mmCIF file of all heavy atoms, coordinates in Angstrom:
data_MODEL
# 
_entry.id   MODEL 
# 
loop_
_atom_site.group_PDB 
_atom_site.id 
_atom_site.type_symbol 
_atom_site.label_atom_id 
_atom_site.label_alt_id 
_atom_site.label_comp_id 
_atom_site.label_asym_id 
_atom_site.label_entity_id 
_atom_site.label_seq_id 
_atom_site.pdbx_PDB_ins_code 
_atom_site.Cartn_x 
_atom_site.Cartn_y 
_atom_site.Cartn_z 
_atom_site.occupancy 
_atom_site.B_iso_or_equiv 
_atom_site.pdbx_formal_charge 
_atom_site.auth_seq_id 
_atom_site.auth_comp_id 
_atom_site.auth_asym_id 
_atom_site.auth_atom_id 
_atom_site.pdbx_PDB_model_num 
ATOM 1   N N   . GLY A 1 1  ? 5.695  -3.144 -16.152 1.00 0.00 ? 1  GLY A N   1 
ATOM 2   C CA  . GLY A 1 1  ? 6.474  -1.991 -15.759 1.00 0.00 ? 1  GLY A CA  1 
ATOM 3   C C   . GLY A 1 1  ? 7.420  -2.368 -14.685 1.00 0.00 ? 1  GLY A C   1 
ATOM 4   O O   . GLY A 1 1  ? 7.533  -3.600 -14.254 1.00 0.00 ? 1  GLY A O   1 
ATOM 5   N N   . PRO A 1 2  ? 8.301  -1.445 -14.188 1.00 0.00 ? 2  PRO A N   1 
ATOM 6   C CA  . PRO A 1 2  ? 9.300  -1.779 -13.214 1.00 0.00 ? 2  PRO A CA  1 
ATOM 7   C C   . PRO A 1 2  ? 8.678  -2.324 -11.902 1.00 0.00 ? 2  PRO A C   1 
ATOM 8   O O   . PRO A 1 2  ? 7.654  -1.741 -11.462 1.00 0.00 ? 2  PRO A O   1 
ATOM 9   C CB  . PRO A 1 2  ? 9.949  -0.388 -12.917 1.00 0.00 ? 2  PRO A CB  1 
ATOM 10  C CG  . PRO A 1 2  ? 9.626  0.464  -14.157 1.00 0.00 ? 2  PRO A CG  1 
ATOM 11  C CD  . PRO A 1 2  ? 8.321  -0.058 -14.630 1.00 0.00 ? 2  PRO A CD  1 
ATOM 12  N N   . VAL A 1 3  ? 9.283  -3.332 -11.344 1.00 0.00 ? 3  VAL A N   1 
ATOM 13  C CA  . VAL A 1 3  ? 8.786  -3.930 -10.138 1.00 0.00 ? 3  VAL A CA  1 
ATOM 14  C C   . VAL A 1 3  ? 9.814  -3.941 -9.009  1.00 0.00 ? 3  VAL A C   1 
ATOM 15  O O   . VAL A 1 3  ? 9.488  -3.661 -7.843  1.00 0.00 ? 3  VAL A O   1 
ATOM 16  C CB  . VAL A 1 3  ? 8.281  -5.401 -10.371 1.00 0.00 ? 3  VAL A CB  1 
ATOM 17  C CG1 . VAL A 1 3  ? 7.937  -6.095 -9.079  1.00 0.00 ? 3  VAL A CG1 1 
ATOM 18  C CG2 . VAL A 1 3  ? 7.065  -5.365 -11.330 1.00 0.00 ? 3  VAL A CG2 1 
ATOM 19  N N   . ALA A 1 4  ? 11.045 -4.296 -9.306  1.00 0.00 ? 4  ALA A N   1 
ATOM 20  C CA  . ALA A 1 4  ? 12.056 -4.558 -8.300  1.00 0.00 ? 4  ALA A CA  1 
ATOM 21  C C   . ALA A 1 4  ? 12.270 -3.315 -7.369  1.00 0.00 ? 4  ALA A C   1 
ATOM 22  O O   . ALA A 1 4  ? 12.234 -3.441 -6.149  1.00 0.00 ? 4  ALA A O   1 
ATOM 23  C CB  . ALA A 1 4  ? 13.406 -4.882 -8.957  1.00 0.00 ? 4  ALA A CB  1 
ATOM 24  N N   . GLY A 1 5  ? 12.454 -2.122 -7.971  1.00 0.00 ? 5  GLY A N   1 
ATOM 25  C CA  . GLY A 1 5  ? 12.671 -0.931 -7.158  1.00 0.00 ? 5  GLY A CA  1 
ATOM 26  C C   . GLY A 1 5  ? 11.538 -0.593 -6.221  1.00 0.00 ? 5  GLY A C   1 
ATOM 27  O O   . GLY A 1 5  ? 11.690 -0.500 -5.026  1.00 0.00 ? 5  GLY A O   1 
ATOM 28  N N   . PRO A 1 6  ? 10.299 -0.416 -6.772  1.00 0.00 ? 6  PRO A N   1 
ATOM 29  C CA  . PRO A 1 6  ? 9.160  -0.074 -5.913  1.00 0.00 ? 6  PRO A CA  1 
ATOM 30  C C   . PRO A 1 6  ? 8.844  -1.243 -4.915  1.00 0.00 ? 6  PRO A C   1 
ATOM 31  O O   . PRO A 1 6  ? 8.390  -0.941 -3.828  1.00 0.00 ? 6  PRO A O   1 
ATOM 32  C CB  . PRO A 1 6  ? 8.004  0.130  -6.930  1.00 0.00 ? 6  PRO A CB  1 
ATOM 33  C CG  . PRO A 1 6  ? 8.488  -0.297 -8.240  1.00 0.00 ? 6  PRO A CG  1 
ATOM 34  C CD  . PRO A 1 6  ? 9.978  -0.317 -8.221  1.00 0.00 ? 6  PRO A CD  1 
ATOM 35  N N   . LEU A 1 7  ? 9.152  -2.507 -5.355  1.00 0.00 ? 7  LEU A N   1 
ATOM 36  C CA  . LEU A 1 7  ? 8.823  -3.591 -4.413  1.00 0.00 ? 7  LEU A CA  1 
ATOM 37  C C   . LEU A 1 7  ? 9.742  -3.502 -3.197  1.00 0.00 ? 7  LEU A C   1 
ATOM 38  O O   . LEU A 1 7  ? 9.277  -3.680 -2.062  1.00 0.00 ? 7  LEU A O   1 
ATOM 39  C CB  . LEU A 1 7  ? 9.052  -4.928 -5.136  1.00 0.00 ? 7  LEU A CB  1 
ATOM 40  C CG  . LEU A 1 7  ? 8.921  -6.164 -4.214  1.00 0.00 ? 7  LEU A CG  1 
ATOM 41  C CD1 . LEU A 1 7  ? 7.516  -6.272 -3.592  1.00 0.00 ? 7  LEU A CD1 1 
ATOM 42  C CD2 . LEU A 1 7  ? 9.201  -7.445 -4.994  1.00 0.00 ? 7  LEU A CD2 1 
ATOM 43  N N   . THR A 1 8  ? 11.056 -3.179 -3.379  1.00 0.00 ? 8  THR A N   1 
ATOM 44  C CA  . THR A 1 8  ? 11.911 -3.010 -2.286  1.00 0.00 ? 8  THR A CA  1 
ATOM 45  C C   . THR A 1 8  ? 11.480 -1.924 -1.383  1.00 0.00 ? 8  THR A C   1 
ATOM 46  O O   . THR A 1 8  ? 11.495 -2.051 -0.122  1.00 0.00 ? 8  THR A O   1 
ATOM 47  C CB  . THR A 1 8  ? 13.340 -2.739 -2.764  1.00 0.00 ? 8  THR A CB  1 
ATOM 48  O OG1 . THR A 1 8  ? 13.769 -3.839 -3.624  1.00 0.00 ? 8  THR A OG1 1 
ATOM 49  C CG2 . THR A 1 8  ? 14.359 -2.597 -1.690  1.00 0.00 ? 8  THR A CG2 1 
ATOM 50  N N   . THR A 1 9  ? 11.120 -0.813 -1.937  1.00 0.00 ? 9  THR A N   1 
ATOM 51  C CA  . THR A 1 9  ? 10.681 0.341  -1.082  1.00 0.00 ? 9  THR A CA  1 
ATOM 52  C C   . THR A 1 9  ? 9.397  -0.063 -0.333  1.00 0.00 ? 9  THR A C   1 
ATOM 53  O O   . THR A 1 9  ? 9.222  0.320  0.822   1.00 0.00 ? 9  THR A O   1 
ATOM 54  C CB  . THR A 1 9  ? 10.351 1.547  -1.979  1.00 0.00 ? 9  THR A CB  1 
ATOM 55  O OG1 . THR A 1 9  ? 11.573 1.857  -2.726  1.00 0.00 ? 9  THR A OG1 1 
ATOM 56  C CG2 . THR A 1 9  ? 10.017 2.763  -1.148  1.00 0.00 ? 9  THR A CG2 1 
ATOM 57  N N   . THR A 1 10 ? 8.448  -0.745 -0.973  1.00 0.00 ? 10 THR A N   1 
ATOM 58  C CA  . THR A 1 10 ? 7.250  -1.153 -0.347  1.00 0.00 ? 10 THR A CA  1 
ATOM 59  C C   . THR A 1 10 ? 7.525  -2.045 0.850   1.00 0.00 ? 10 THR A C   1 
ATOM 60  O O   . THR A 1 10 ? 6.971  -1.921 1.917   1.00 0.00 ? 10 THR A O   1 
ATOM 61  C CB  . THR A 1 10 ? 6.297  -1.902 -1.355  1.00 0.00 ? 10 THR A CB  1 
ATOM 62  O OG1 . THR A 1 10 ? 5.978  -1.064 -2.438  1.00 0.00 ? 10 THR A OG1 1 
ATOM 63  C CG2 . THR A 1 10 ? 5.009  -2.323 -0.650  1.00 0.00 ? 10 THR A CG2 1 
ATOM 64  N N   . LEU A 1 11 ? 8.386  -3.041 0.632   1.00 0.00 ? 11 LEU A N   1 
ATOM 65  C CA  . LEU A 1 11 ? 8.737  -3.928 1.771   1.00 0.00 ? 11 LEU A CA  1 
ATOM 66  C C   . LEU A 1 11 ? 9.376  -3.162 2.900   1.00 0.00 ? 11 LEU A C   1 
ATOM 67  O O   . LEU A 1 11 ? 9.161  -3.492 4.130   1.00 0.00 ? 11 LEU A O   1 
ATOM 68  C CB  . LEU A 1 11 ? 9.719  -5.011 1.227   1.00 0.00 ? 11 LEU A CB  1 
ATOM 69  C CG  . LEU A 1 11 ? 9.072  -6.051 0.280   1.00 0.00 ? 11 LEU A CG  1 
ATOM 70  C CD1 . LEU A 1 11 ? 10.128 -6.961 -0.291  1.00 0.00 ? 11 LEU A CD1 1 
ATOM 71  C CD2 . LEU A 1 11 ? 7.906  -6.766 0.869   1.00 0.00 ? 11 LEU A CD2 1 
ATOM 72  N N   . MET A 1 12 ? 10.159 -2.155 2.615   1.00 0.00 ? 12 MET A N   1 
ATOM 73  C CA  . MET A 1 12 ? 10.763 -1.358 3.671   1.00 0.00 ? 12 MET A CA  1 
ATOM 74  C C   . MET A 1 12 ? 9.687  -0.574 4.447   1.00 0.00 ? 12 MET A C   1 
ATOM 75  O O   . MET A 1 12 ? 9.748  -0.477 5.651   1.00 0.00 ? 12 MET A O   1 
ATOM 76  C CB  . MET A 1 12 ? 11.783 -0.381 3.063   1.00 0.00 ? 12 MET A CB  1 
ATOM 77  C CG  . MET A 1 12 ? 13.033 -1.080 2.512   1.00 0.00 ? 12 MET A CG  1 
ATOM 78  S SD  . MET A 1 12 ? 14.151 0.058  1.672   1.00 0.00 ? 12 MET A SD  1 
ATOM 79  C CE  . MET A 1 12 ? 14.569 1.237  2.945   1.00 0.00 ? 12 MET A CE  1 
ATOM 80  N N   . PHE A 1 13 ? 8.711  -0.030 3.735   1.00 0.00 ? 13 PHE A N   1 
ATOM 81  C CA  . PHE A 1 13 ? 7.648  0.679  4.429   1.00 0.00 ? 13 PHE A CA  1 
ATOM 82  C C   . PHE A 1 13 ? 6.863  -0.289 5.243   1.00 0.00 ? 13 PHE A C   1 
ATOM 83  O O   . PHE A 1 13 ? 6.415  0.088  6.347   1.00 0.00 ? 13 PHE A O   1 
ATOM 84  C CB  . PHE A 1 13 ? 6.716  1.342  3.373   1.00 0.00 ? 13 PHE A CB  1 
ATOM 85  C CG  . PHE A 1 13 ? 7.185  2.733  2.970   1.00 0.00 ? 13 PHE A CG  1 
ATOM 86  C CD1 . PHE A 1 13 ? 7.451  3.082  1.656   1.00 0.00 ? 13 PHE A CD1 1 
ATOM 87  C CD2 . PHE A 1 13 ? 7.240  3.786  3.943   1.00 0.00 ? 13 PHE A CD2 1 
ATOM 88  C CE1 . PHE A 1 13 ? 7.865  4.333  1.323   1.00 0.00 ? 13 PHE A CE1 1 
ATOM 89  C CE2 . PHE A 1 13 ? 7.654  5.045  3.572   1.00 0.00 ? 13 PHE A CE2 1 
ATOM 90  C CZ  . PHE A 1 13 ? 7.952  5.360  2.250   1.00 0.00 ? 13 PHE A CZ  1 
ATOM 91  N N   . MET A 1 14 ? 6.618  -1.505 4.725   1.00 0.00 ? 14 MET A N   1 
ATOM 92  C CA  . MET A 1 14 ? 5.807  -2.483 5.504   1.00 0.00 ? 14 MET A CA  1 
ATOM 93  C C   . MET A 1 14 ? 6.535  -2.829 6.809   1.00 0.00 ? 14 MET A C   1 
ATOM 94  O O   . MET A 1 14 ? 5.910  -2.876 7.868   1.00 0.00 ? 14 MET A O   1 
ATOM 95  C CB  . MET A 1 14 ? 5.635  -3.750 4.642   1.00 0.00 ? 14 MET A CB  1 
ATOM 96  C CG  . MET A 1 14 ? 4.673  -3.511 3.500   1.00 0.00 ? 14 MET A CG  1 
ATOM 97  S SD  . MET A 1 14 ? 4.684  -4.914 2.286   1.00 0.00 ? 14 MET A SD  1 
ATOM 98  C CE  . MET A 1 14 ? 4.208  -6.302 3.341   1.00 0.00 ? 14 MET A CE  1 
ATOM 99  N N   . ALA A 1 15 ? 7.851  -3.004 6.726   1.00 0.00 ? 15 ALA A N   1 
ATOM 100 C CA  . ALA A 1 15 ? 8.607  -3.301 7.974   1.00 0.00 ? 15 ALA A CA  1 
ATOM 101 C C   . ALA A 1 15 ? 8.603  -2.131 8.931   1.00 0.00 ? 15 ALA A C   1 
ATOM 102 O O   . ALA A 1 15 ? 8.435  -2.329 10.132  1.00 0.00 ? 15 ALA A O   1 
ATOM 103 C CB  . ALA A 1 15 ? 10.106 -3.630 7.522   1.00 0.00 ? 15 ALA A CB  1 
ATOM 104 N N   . GLY A 1 16 ? 8.689  -0.889 8.346   1.00 0.00 ? 16 GLY A N   1 
ATOM 105 C CA  . GLY A 1 16 ? 8.648  0.276  9.188   1.00 0.00 ? 16 GLY A CA  1 
ATOM 106 C C   . GLY A 1 16 ? 7.276  0.418  9.900   1.00 0.00 ? 16 GLY A C   1 
ATOM 107 O O   . GLY A 1 16 ? 7.224  0.798  11.102  1.00 0.00 ? 16 GLY A O   1 
ATOM 108 N N   . LEU A 1 17 ? 6.252  0.178  9.228   1.00 0.00 ? 17 LEU A N   1 
ATOM 109 C CA  . LEU A 1 17 ? 4.857  0.190  9.842   1.00 0.00 ? 17 LEU A CA  1 
ATOM 110 C C   . LEU A 1 17 ? 4.771  -0.793 11.012  1.00 0.00 ? 17 LEU A C   1 
ATOM 111 O O   . LEU A 1 17 ? 4.239  -0.444 12.075  1.00 0.00 ? 17 LEU A O   1 
ATOM 112 C CB  . LEU A 1 17 ? 3.772  -0.097 8.760   1.00 0.00 ? 17 LEU A CB  1 
ATOM 113 C CG  . LEU A 1 17 ? 3.558  0.967  7.705   1.00 0.00 ? 17 LEU A CG  1 
ATOM 114 C CD1 . LEU A 1 17 ? 2.650  0.432  6.595   1.00 0.00 ? 17 LEU A CD1 1 
ATOM 115 C CD2 . LEU A 1 17 ? 2.907  2.214  8.288   1.00 0.00 ? 17 LEU A CD2 1 
ATOM 116 N N   . LEU A 1 18 ? 5.306  -1.949 10.854  1.00 0.00 ? 18 LEU A N   1 
ATOM 117 C CA  . LEU A 1 18 ? 5.242  -2.952 11.916  1.00 0.00 ? 18 LEU A CA  1 
ATOM 118 C C   . LEU A 1 18 ? 6.115  -2.504 13.105  1.00 0.00 ? 18 LEU A C   1 
ATOM 119 O O   . LEU A 1 18 ? 5.686  -2.630 14.229  1.00 0.00 ? 18 LEU A O   1 
ATOM 120 C CB  . LEU A 1 18 ? 5.660  -4.347 11.363  1.00 0.00 ? 18 LEU A CB  1 
ATOM 121 C CG  . LEU A 1 18 ? 4.765  -4.982 10.379  1.00 0.00 ? 18 LEU A CG  1 
ATOM 122 C CD1 . LEU A 1 18 ? 5.315  -6.304 9.907   1.00 0.00 ? 18 LEU A CD1 1 
ATOM 123 C CD2 . LEU A 1 18 ? 3.381  -5.236 10.999  1.00 0.00 ? 18 LEU A CD2 1 
ATOM 124 N N   . VAL A 1 19 ? 7.305  -2.084 12.786  1.00 0.00 ? 19 VAL A N   1 
ATOM 125 C CA  . VAL A 1 19 ? 8.250  -1.766 13.865  1.00 0.00 ? 19 VAL A CA  1 
ATOM 126 C C   . VAL A 1 19 ? 7.714  -0.593 14.674  1.00 0.00 ? 19 VAL A C   1 
ATOM 127 O O   . VAL A 1 19 ? 7.907  -0.492 15.923  1.00 0.00 ? 19 VAL A O   1 
ATOM 128 C CB  . VAL A 1 19 ? 9.626  -1.366 13.213  1.00 0.00 ? 19 VAL A CB  1 
ATOM 129 C CG1 . VAL A 1 19 ? 10.536 -0.691 14.291  1.00 0.00 ? 19 VAL A CG1 1 
ATOM 130 C CG2 . VAL A 1 19 ? 10.279 -2.635 12.692  1.00 0.00 ? 19 VAL A CG2 1 
ATOM 131 N N   . ILE A 1 20 ? 7.027  0.352  14.064  1.00 0.00 ? 20 ILE A N   1 
ATOM 132 C CA  . ILE A 1 20 ? 6.559  1.567  14.732  1.00 0.00 ? 20 ILE A CA  1 
ATOM 133 C C   . ILE A 1 20 ? 5.176  1.344  15.412  1.00 0.00 ? 20 ILE A C   1 
ATOM 134 O O   . ILE A 1 20 ? 5.018  1.572  16.629  1.00 0.00 ? 20 ILE A O   1 
ATOM 135 C CB  . ILE A 1 20 ? 6.453  2.771  13.768  1.00 0.00 ? 20 ILE A CB  1 
ATOM 136 C CG1 . ILE A 1 20 ? 7.856  3.128  13.280  1.00 0.00 ? 20 ILE A CG1 1 
ATOM 137 C CG2 . ILE A 1 20 ? 5.823  3.966  14.479  1.00 0.00 ? 20 ILE A CG2 1 
ATOM 138 C CD1 . ILE A 1 20 ? 7.798  4.154  12.184  1.00 0.00 ? 20 ILE A CD1 1 
ATOM 139 N N   . PHE A 1 21 ? 4.307  0.818  14.679  1.00 0.00 ? 21 PHE A N   1 
ATOM 140 C CA  . PHE A 1 21 ? 2.879  0.816  15.126  1.00 0.00 ? 21 PHE A CA  1 
ATOM 141 C C   . PHE A 1 21 ? 2.430  -0.412 15.958  1.00 0.00 ? 21 PHE A C   1 
ATOM 142 O O   . PHE A 1 21 ? 1.534  -0.316 16.772  1.00 0.00 ? 21 PHE A O   1 
ATOM 143 C CB  . PHE A 1 21 ? 1.904  1.068  13.998  1.00 0.00 ? 21 PHE A CB  1 
ATOM 144 C CG  . PHE A 1 21 ? 1.984  2.489  13.450  1.00 0.00 ? 21 PHE A CG  1 
ATOM 145 C CD1 . PHE A 1 21 ? 2.702  2.773  12.330  1.00 0.00 ? 21 PHE A CD1 1 
ATOM 146 C CD2 . PHE A 1 21 ? 1.322  3.491  14.189  1.00 0.00 ? 21 PHE A CD2 1 
ATOM 147 C CE1 . PHE A 1 21 ? 2.761  4.089  11.853  1.00 0.00 ? 21 PHE A CE1 1 
ATOM 148 C CE2 . PHE A 1 21 ? 1.431  4.801  13.704  1.00 0.00 ? 21 PHE A CE2 1 
ATOM 149 C CZ  . PHE A 1 21 ? 2.125  5.077  12.539  1.00 0.00 ? 21 PHE A CZ  1 
ATOM 150 N N   . VAL A 1 22 ? 3.118  -1.550 15.842  1.00 0.00 ? 22 VAL A N   1 
ATOM 151 C CA  . VAL A 1 22 ? 2.815  -2.697 16.640  1.00 0.00 ? 22 VAL A CA  1 
ATOM 152 C C   . VAL A 1 22 ? 3.105  -2.392 18.119  1.00 0.00 ? 22 VAL A C   1 
ATOM 153 O O   . VAL A 1 22 ? 2.199  -2.571 18.981  1.00 0.00 ? 22 VAL A O   1 
ATOM 154 C CB  . VAL A 1 22 ? 3.434  -4.013 16.111  1.00 0.00 ? 22 VAL A CB  1 
ATOM 155 C CG1 . VAL A 1 22 ? 3.274  -5.068 17.174  1.00 0.00 ? 22 VAL A CG1 1 
ATOM 156 C CG2 . VAL A 1 22 ? 2.925  -4.392 14.782  1.00 0.00 ? 22 VAL A CG2 1 
ATOM 157 N N   . PRO A 1 23 ? 4.328  -1.948 18.397  1.00 0.00 ? 23 PRO A N   1 
ATOM 158 C CA  . PRO A 1 23 ? 4.589  -1.594 19.836  1.00 0.00 ? 23 PRO A CA  1 
ATOM 159 C C   . PRO A 1 23 ? 3.671  -0.481 20.378  1.00 0.00 ? 23 PRO A C   1 
ATOM 160 O O   . PRO A 1 23 ? 3.216  -0.536 21.499  1.00 0.00 ? 23 PRO A O   1 
ATOM 161 C CB  . PRO A 1 23 ? 6.069  -1.219 19.825  1.00 0.00 ? 23 PRO A CB  1 
ATOM 162 C CG  . PRO A 1 23 ? 6.641  -1.789 18.630  1.00 0.00 ? 23 PRO A CG  1 
ATOM 163 C CD  . PRO A 1 23 ? 5.540  -1.781 17.615  1.00 0.00 ? 23 PRO A CD  1 
ATOM 164 N N   . LEU A 1 24 ? 3.422  0.529  19.581  1.00 0.00 ? 24 LEU A N   1 
ATOM 165 C CA  . LEU A 1 24 ? 2.532  1.624  19.997  1.00 0.00 ? 24 LEU A CA  1 
ATOM 166 C C   . LEU A 1 24 ? 1.132  1.070  20.286  1.00 0.00 ? 24 LEU A C   1 
ATOM 167 O O   . LEU A 1 24 ? 0.516  1.479  21.270  1.00 0.00 ? 24 LEU A O   1 
ATOM 168 C CB  . LEU A 1 24 ? 2.436  2.707  18.915  1.00 0.00 ? 24 LEU A CB  1 
ATOM 169 C CG  . LEU A 1 24 ? 3.683  3.607  18.706  1.00 0.00 ? 24 LEU A CG  1 
ATOM 170 C CD1 . LEU A 1 24 ? 3.471  4.590  17.586  1.00 0.00 ? 24 LEU A CD1 1 
ATOM 171 C CD2 . LEU A 1 24 ? 3.965  4.378  19.993  1.00 0.00 ? 24 LEU A CD2 1 
ATOM 172 N N   . ALA A 1 25 ? 0.614  0.177  19.347  1.00 0.00 ? 25 ALA A N   1 
ATOM 173 C CA  . ALA A 1 25 ? -0.728 -0.329 19.606  1.00 0.00 ? 25 ALA A CA  1 
ATOM 174 C C   . ALA A 1 25 ? -0.791 -1.200 20.851  1.00 0.00 ? 25 ALA A C   1 
ATOM 175 O O   . ALA A 1 25 ? -1.726 -1.128 21.637  1.00 0.00 ? 25 ALA A O   1 
ATOM 176 C CB  . ALA A 1 25 ? -1.160 -1.128 18.402  1.00 0.00 ? 25 ALA A CB  1 
ATOM 177 N N   . LEU A 1 26 ? 0.259  -2.055 21.093  1.00 0.00 ? 26 LEU A N   1 
ATOM 178 C CA  . LEU A 1 26 ? 0.240  -2.878 22.249  1.00 0.00 ? 26 LEU A CA  1 
ATOM 179 C C   . LEU A 1 26 ? 0.367  -2.048 23.527  1.00 0.00 ? 26 LEU A C   1 
ATOM 180 O O   . LEU A 1 26 ? -0.280 -2.433 24.560  1.00 0.00 ? 26 LEU A O   1 
ATOM 181 C CB  . LEU A 1 26 ? 1.375  -3.897 22.145  1.00 0.00 ? 26 LEU A CB  1 
ATOM 182 C CG  . LEU A 1 26 ? 1.282  -4.971 21.011  1.00 0.00 ? 26 LEU A CG  1 
ATOM 183 C CD1 . LEU A 1 26 ? 2.520  -5.804 21.003  1.00 0.00 ? 26 LEU A CD1 1 
ATOM 184 C CD2 . LEU A 1 26 ? 0.038  -5.800 21.233  1.00 0.00 ? 26 LEU A CD2 1 
ATOM 185 N N   . ARG A 1 27 ? 1.172  -1.085 23.469  1.00 0.00 ? 27 ARG A N   1 
ATOM 186 C CA  . ARG A 1 27 ? 1.323  -0.179 24.684  1.00 0.00 ? 27 ARG A CA  1 
ATOM 187 C C   . ARG A 1 27 ? -0.009 0.526  24.984  1.00 0.00 ? 27 ARG A C   1 
ATOM 188 O O   . ARG A 1 27 ? -0.498 0.604  26.102  1.00 0.00 ? 27 ARG A O   1 
ATOM 189 C CB  . ARG A 1 27 ? 2.386  0.838  24.458  1.00 0.00 ? 27 ARG A CB  1 
ATOM 190 C CG  . ARG A 1 27 ? 2.655  1.779  25.645  1.00 0.00 ? 27 ARG A CG  1 
ATOM 191 C CD  . ARG A 1 27 ? 3.788  2.693  25.402  1.00 0.00 ? 27 ARG A CD  1 
ATOM 192 N NE  . ARG A 1 27 ? 5.042  2.001  25.084  1.00 0.00 ? 27 ARG A NE  1 
ATOM 193 C CZ  . ARG A 1 27 ? 6.155  2.611  24.739  1.00 0.00 ? 27 ARG A CZ  1 
ATOM 194 N NH1 . ARG A 1 27 ? 6.189  3.938  24.605  1.00 0.00 ? 27 ARG A NH1 1 
ATOM 195 N NH2 . ARG A 1 27 ? 7.250  1.918  24.458  1.00 0.00 ? 27 ARG A NH2 1 
ATOM 196 N N   . ALA A 1 28 ? -0.664 1.084  23.922  1.00 0.00 ? 28 ALA A N   1 
ATOM 197 C CA  . ALA A 1 28 ? -1.941 1.758  24.141  1.00 0.00 ? 28 ALA A CA  1 
ATOM 198 C C   . ALA A 1 28 ? -3.025 0.780  24.631  1.00 0.00 ? 28 ALA A C   1 
ATOM 199 O O   . ALA A 1 28 ? -3.814 1.120  25.481  1.00 0.00 ? 28 ALA A O   1 
ATOM 200 C CB  . ALA A 1 28 ? -2.371 2.411  22.828  1.00 0.00 ? 28 ALA A CB  1 
ATOM 201 N N   . TYR A 1 29 ? -2.946 -0.451 24.104  1.00 0.00 ? 29 TYR A N   1 
ATOM 202 C CA  . TYR A 1 29 ? -3.941 -1.439 24.571  1.00 0.00 ? 29 TYR A CA  1 
ATOM 203 C C   . TYR A 1 29 ? -3.709 -1.828 26.034  1.00 0.00 ? 29 TYR A C   1 
ATOM 204 O O   . TYR A 1 29 ? -4.743 -1.959 26.811  1.00 0.00 ? 29 TYR A O   1 
ATOM 205 C CB  . TYR A 1 29 ? -3.752 -2.706 23.731  1.00 0.00 ? 29 TYR A CB  1 
ATOM 206 C CG  . TYR A 1 29 ? -4.459 -3.948 24.251  1.00 0.00 ? 29 TYR A CG  1 
ATOM 207 C CD1 . TYR A 1 29 ? -5.835 -3.931 24.373  1.00 0.00 ? 29 TYR A CD1 1 
ATOM 208 C CD2 . TYR A 1 29 ? -3.727 -5.047 24.563  1.00 0.00 ? 29 TYR A CD2 1 
ATOM 209 C CE1 . TYR A 1 29 ? -6.490 -5.062 24.891  1.00 0.00 ? 29 TYR A CE1 1 
ATOM 210 C CE2 . TYR A 1 29 ? -4.357 -6.189 25.017  1.00 0.00 ? 29 TYR A CE2 1 
ATOM 211 C CZ  . TYR A 1 29 ? -5.770 -6.201 25.193  1.00 0.00 ? 29 TYR A CZ  1 
ATOM 212 O OH  . TYR A 1 29 ? -6.399 -7.288 25.675  1.00 0.00 ? 29 TYR A OH  1 
# 
């Protein structure tokens, strides 16, 4: 099945999770 489109979106979500929650977790820690 299609891979390129959903893979790009998945990688964007992964980057967003890191950008948002890593600083939040470190600050809370």
